[in-house]
Each structure stands twice: as C-alpha cells, then as structure tokens.
N, C-alpha and C. Protein backbone atom coordinates (compact mmCIF):
# COMPACT_ATOMS: atom_id res chain seq x y z
N MET A 1 -2.38 -12.34 17.85
CA MET A 1 -1.76 -10.97 18.03
C MET A 1 -2.59 -10.07 19.00
N MET A 2 -1.91 -9.12 19.60
CA MET A 2 -2.42 -8.39 20.70
C MET A 2 -1.78 -6.97 20.67
N ASP A 3 -2.33 -6.05 21.47
CA ASP A 3 -1.73 -4.80 21.61
C ASP A 3 -0.83 -4.91 22.87
N LEU A 4 0.03 -3.83 22.94
CA LEU A 4 0.98 -3.81 24.04
C LEU A 4 0.36 -3.69 25.42
N THR A 5 -0.88 -3.33 25.58
CA THR A 5 -1.47 -3.21 26.94
C THR A 5 -1.62 -4.58 27.52
N LYS A 6 -1.72 -5.66 26.75
CA LYS A 6 -1.92 -6.96 27.20
C LYS A 6 -0.63 -7.73 27.26
N ALA A 7 0.56 -7.24 26.95
CA ALA A 7 1.90 -7.76 26.95
C ALA A 7 2.28 -8.12 28.39
N ILE A 8 3.08 -9.20 28.49
CA ILE A 8 3.75 -9.60 29.87
C ILE A 8 4.92 -8.68 29.94
N GLU A 9 5.05 -8.22 31.30
CA GLU A 9 6.29 -7.37 31.56
C GLU A 9 7.50 -8.29 31.50
N GLY A 10 8.58 -7.67 30.80
CA GLY A 10 9.87 -8.39 30.75
C GLY A 10 9.98 -9.41 29.56
N LYS A 11 8.93 -9.69 28.85
CA LYS A 11 8.95 -10.57 27.80
C LYS A 11 9.17 -9.68 26.40
N GLU A 12 10.03 -10.23 25.51
CA GLU A 12 10.21 -9.53 24.28
C GLU A 12 9.23 -10.02 23.15
N TYR A 13 8.63 -9.04 22.54
CA TYR A 13 7.71 -9.29 21.56
C TYR A 13 8.20 -8.77 20.25
N ILE A 14 7.67 -9.15 19.07
CA ILE A 14 8.05 -8.55 17.83
C ILE A 14 6.82 -7.73 17.27
N ILE A 15 7.15 -6.52 16.90
CA ILE A 15 5.98 -5.60 16.44
C ILE A 15 5.38 -6.21 15.14
N GLU A 16 4.24 -6.38 15.12
CA GLU A 16 3.47 -6.78 13.80
C GLU A 16 3.15 -5.73 13.01
N ARG A 17 2.53 -4.60 13.64
CA ARG A 17 2.00 -3.50 12.93
C ARG A 17 1.61 -2.45 13.86
N ILE A 18 1.53 -1.27 13.30
CA ILE A 18 1.02 -0.08 14.05
C ILE A 18 -0.30 0.24 13.59
N GLU A 19 -1.36 0.26 14.39
CA GLU A 19 -2.71 0.59 14.00
C GLU A 19 -3.07 2.04 14.42
N THR A 20 -2.88 2.87 13.40
CA THR A 20 -3.35 4.28 13.70
C THR A 20 -3.58 5.03 12.36
N ASP A 21 -4.39 5.98 12.44
CA ASP A 21 -4.75 6.78 11.19
C ASP A 21 -3.92 8.08 11.33
N ASP A 22 -3.31 8.29 12.50
CA ASP A 22 -2.59 9.54 12.64
C ASP A 22 -1.12 9.57 12.11
N GLU A 23 -0.94 10.20 11.16
CA GLU A 23 0.35 10.25 10.54
C GLU A 23 1.50 10.77 11.43
N GLU A 24 1.17 11.75 12.26
CA GLU A 24 2.02 12.28 13.27
C GLU A 24 2.46 11.29 14.24
N LEU A 25 1.51 10.48 14.73
CA LEU A 25 1.75 9.41 15.63
C LEU A 25 2.58 8.30 15.06
N ASP A 26 2.44 7.92 13.81
CA ASP A 26 3.09 7.03 13.10
C ASP A 26 4.56 7.55 12.90
N ALA A 27 4.71 8.69 12.59
CA ALA A 27 6.09 9.38 12.48
C ALA A 27 6.91 9.35 13.85
N PHE A 28 6.13 9.58 14.90
CA PHE A 28 6.73 9.65 16.16
C PHE A 28 7.24 8.24 16.55
N LEU A 29 6.35 7.25 16.43
CA LEU A 29 6.78 5.91 16.78
C LEU A 29 7.98 5.40 15.85
N PHE A 30 7.91 5.75 14.56
CA PHE A 30 8.96 5.33 13.76
C PHE A 30 10.29 6.01 14.15
N SER A 31 10.25 7.33 14.56
CA SER A 31 11.47 7.95 15.19
C SER A 31 11.98 7.33 16.34
N LEU A 32 11.19 6.53 16.99
CA LEU A 32 11.68 5.77 18.24
C LEU A 32 12.26 4.46 17.80
N GLY A 33 12.05 4.05 16.60
CA GLY A 33 12.43 2.73 16.16
C GLY A 33 11.35 1.73 16.28
N CYS A 34 10.24 2.14 16.45
CA CYS A 34 9.04 1.33 16.72
C CYS A 34 8.23 1.14 15.38
N TYR A 35 8.57 -0.01 14.65
CA TYR A 35 7.94 -0.41 13.44
C TYR A 35 7.96 -1.83 13.29
N SER A 36 7.21 -2.33 12.32
CA SER A 36 7.04 -3.72 12.02
C SER A 36 8.32 -4.44 11.88
N GLY A 37 8.48 -5.58 12.57
CA GLY A 37 9.60 -6.51 12.52
C GLY A 37 10.57 -6.18 13.82
N GLU A 38 10.44 -5.03 14.44
CA GLU A 38 11.37 -4.66 15.54
C GLU A 38 11.00 -5.33 16.86
N PRO A 39 11.90 -5.75 17.70
CA PRO A 39 11.52 -6.31 19.01
C PRO A 39 11.16 -5.12 19.91
N ILE A 40 10.32 -5.33 20.86
CA ILE A 40 9.85 -4.49 21.92
C ILE A 40 9.60 -5.25 23.15
N THR A 41 9.94 -4.55 24.26
CA THR A 41 9.76 -5.24 25.59
C THR A 41 9.00 -4.18 26.54
N VAL A 42 7.99 -4.68 27.19
CA VAL A 42 7.30 -3.83 28.23
C VAL A 42 8.09 -4.05 29.55
N ILE A 43 8.65 -2.91 30.04
CA ILE A 43 9.45 -3.10 31.11
C ILE A 43 8.54 -2.78 32.48
N ALA A 44 7.74 -1.96 32.33
CA ALA A 44 6.80 -1.67 33.47
C ALA A 44 5.45 -1.16 33.07
N ARG A 45 4.49 -1.26 33.74
CA ARG A 45 3.18 -0.87 33.43
C ARG A 45 2.46 -0.09 34.61
N LYS A 46 1.91 1.08 34.19
CA LYS A 46 1.21 1.83 35.21
C LYS A 46 -0.22 1.99 34.66
N LYS A 47 -1.07 2.55 35.36
CA LYS A 47 -2.44 2.73 35.00
C LYS A 47 -2.75 3.37 33.67
N ARG A 48 -2.04 4.41 33.44
CA ARG A 48 -2.19 5.30 32.18
C ARG A 48 -1.05 5.24 31.22
N SER A 49 0.06 4.47 31.53
CA SER A 49 1.21 4.53 30.70
C SER A 49 1.93 3.19 30.90
N CYS A 50 2.89 2.89 30.06
CA CYS A 50 3.86 1.80 30.25
C CYS A 50 5.23 2.25 29.76
N THR A 51 6.39 1.63 30.36
CA THR A 51 7.61 1.85 29.90
C THR A 51 8.03 0.71 29.06
N VAL A 52 8.66 1.04 27.80
CA VAL A 52 9.05 -0.04 26.91
C VAL A 52 10.44 0.21 26.53
N SER A 53 11.02 -0.93 26.08
CA SER A 53 12.43 -0.79 25.58
C SER A 53 12.30 -1.21 24.13
N ILE A 54 12.85 -0.15 23.39
CA ILE A 54 12.94 -0.39 21.85
C ILE A 54 14.40 -0.08 21.50
N LYS A 55 15.08 -1.01 20.85
CA LYS A 55 16.40 -0.97 20.49
C LYS A 55 17.20 -0.63 21.72
N ASP A 56 17.96 0.46 21.85
CA ASP A 56 18.76 0.74 22.94
C ASP A 56 18.07 1.69 23.83
N GLY A 57 16.86 2.15 23.64
CA GLY A 57 16.25 3.17 24.49
C GLY A 57 15.02 2.65 25.29
N ARG A 58 14.80 3.42 26.35
CA ARG A 58 13.62 3.16 27.13
C ARG A 58 12.62 4.40 26.99
N TYR A 59 11.36 4.22 26.85
CA TYR A 59 10.51 5.23 26.55
C TYR A 59 9.18 4.96 27.39
N SER A 60 8.56 5.98 27.93
CA SER A 60 7.28 5.89 28.56
C SER A 60 6.30 6.33 27.58
N ILE A 61 5.34 5.42 27.29
CA ILE A 61 4.29 5.77 26.29
C ILE A 61 2.98 5.65 27.08
N ASP A 62 2.06 6.51 26.43
CA ASP A 62 0.66 6.50 27.07
C ASP A 62 -0.10 5.31 26.60
N ARG A 63 -1.27 5.09 27.22
CA ARG A 63 -2.10 3.96 26.77
C ARG A 63 -2.56 3.95 25.44
N GLU A 64 -2.87 5.20 24.76
CA GLU A 64 -3.24 5.21 23.44
C GLU A 64 -2.23 4.73 22.46
N LEU A 65 -0.95 5.09 22.79
CA LEU A 65 0.03 4.57 21.90
C LEU A 65 0.31 3.05 22.05
N ALA A 66 0.21 2.51 23.30
CA ALA A 66 0.32 1.16 23.65
C ALA A 66 -0.76 0.30 22.93
N GLU A 67 -1.88 0.77 22.90
CA GLU A 67 -3.02 0.19 22.17
C GLU A 67 -2.83 0.12 20.59
N ALA A 68 -2.03 1.03 20.08
CA ALA A 68 -1.83 1.13 18.60
C ALA A 68 -0.74 0.21 18.26
N ILE A 69 0.08 -0.26 19.13
CA ILE A 69 1.17 -1.22 18.77
C ILE A 69 0.71 -2.60 18.99
N ILE A 70 0.65 -3.26 17.73
CA ILE A 70 0.23 -4.71 17.68
C ILE A 70 1.42 -5.54 17.67
N VAL A 71 1.47 -6.46 18.53
CA VAL A 71 2.71 -7.43 18.54
C VAL A 71 2.28 -8.90 18.32
N LYS A 72 3.17 -9.77 17.94
CA LYS A 72 2.96 -11.08 17.89
C LYS A 72 3.16 -11.81 19.20
N GLU A 73 2.30 -12.74 19.50
CA GLU A 73 2.38 -13.37 20.83
C GLU A 73 3.48 -14.39 20.91
C-alpha cells in the first residue's frame, strides 16, 4: 500500500483507506466520491498538487490530501 503521491500517472488504483483525523477533510473527500473501494487515477502531478480522476470527475488536490489517500498497488 502507498499514498497517492507515489502513484504512477495514468494507472488506476483502488482506494484502500483515507488516513486523516480531520472530519471535515473526510467529509470533503467522501463528497467527491473518494472512499474505500473506489477506483482513482492520478492524471497529472505538480510540485504541490495533483489532478485525479474519481468516478466521472477530475479534481485538483493538494499534497496533504494526496498523502491521506492510501491505495492498493
């Protein structure tokens, strides 16, 4: 398992869990469809953020959020 900052661009991963103690952050990610068992793909990565595809949407998330999303390799 690894966090999204180490994911290969263009490869689909399955979300294993979200590691955060912040309920607001949890709720935000859940509202995007980002929760355990869902597929997620890193489309592009920049220094402080990355663009991900979750369900039918594309979102830009910061490094802190990417580190909280743990995926299966």
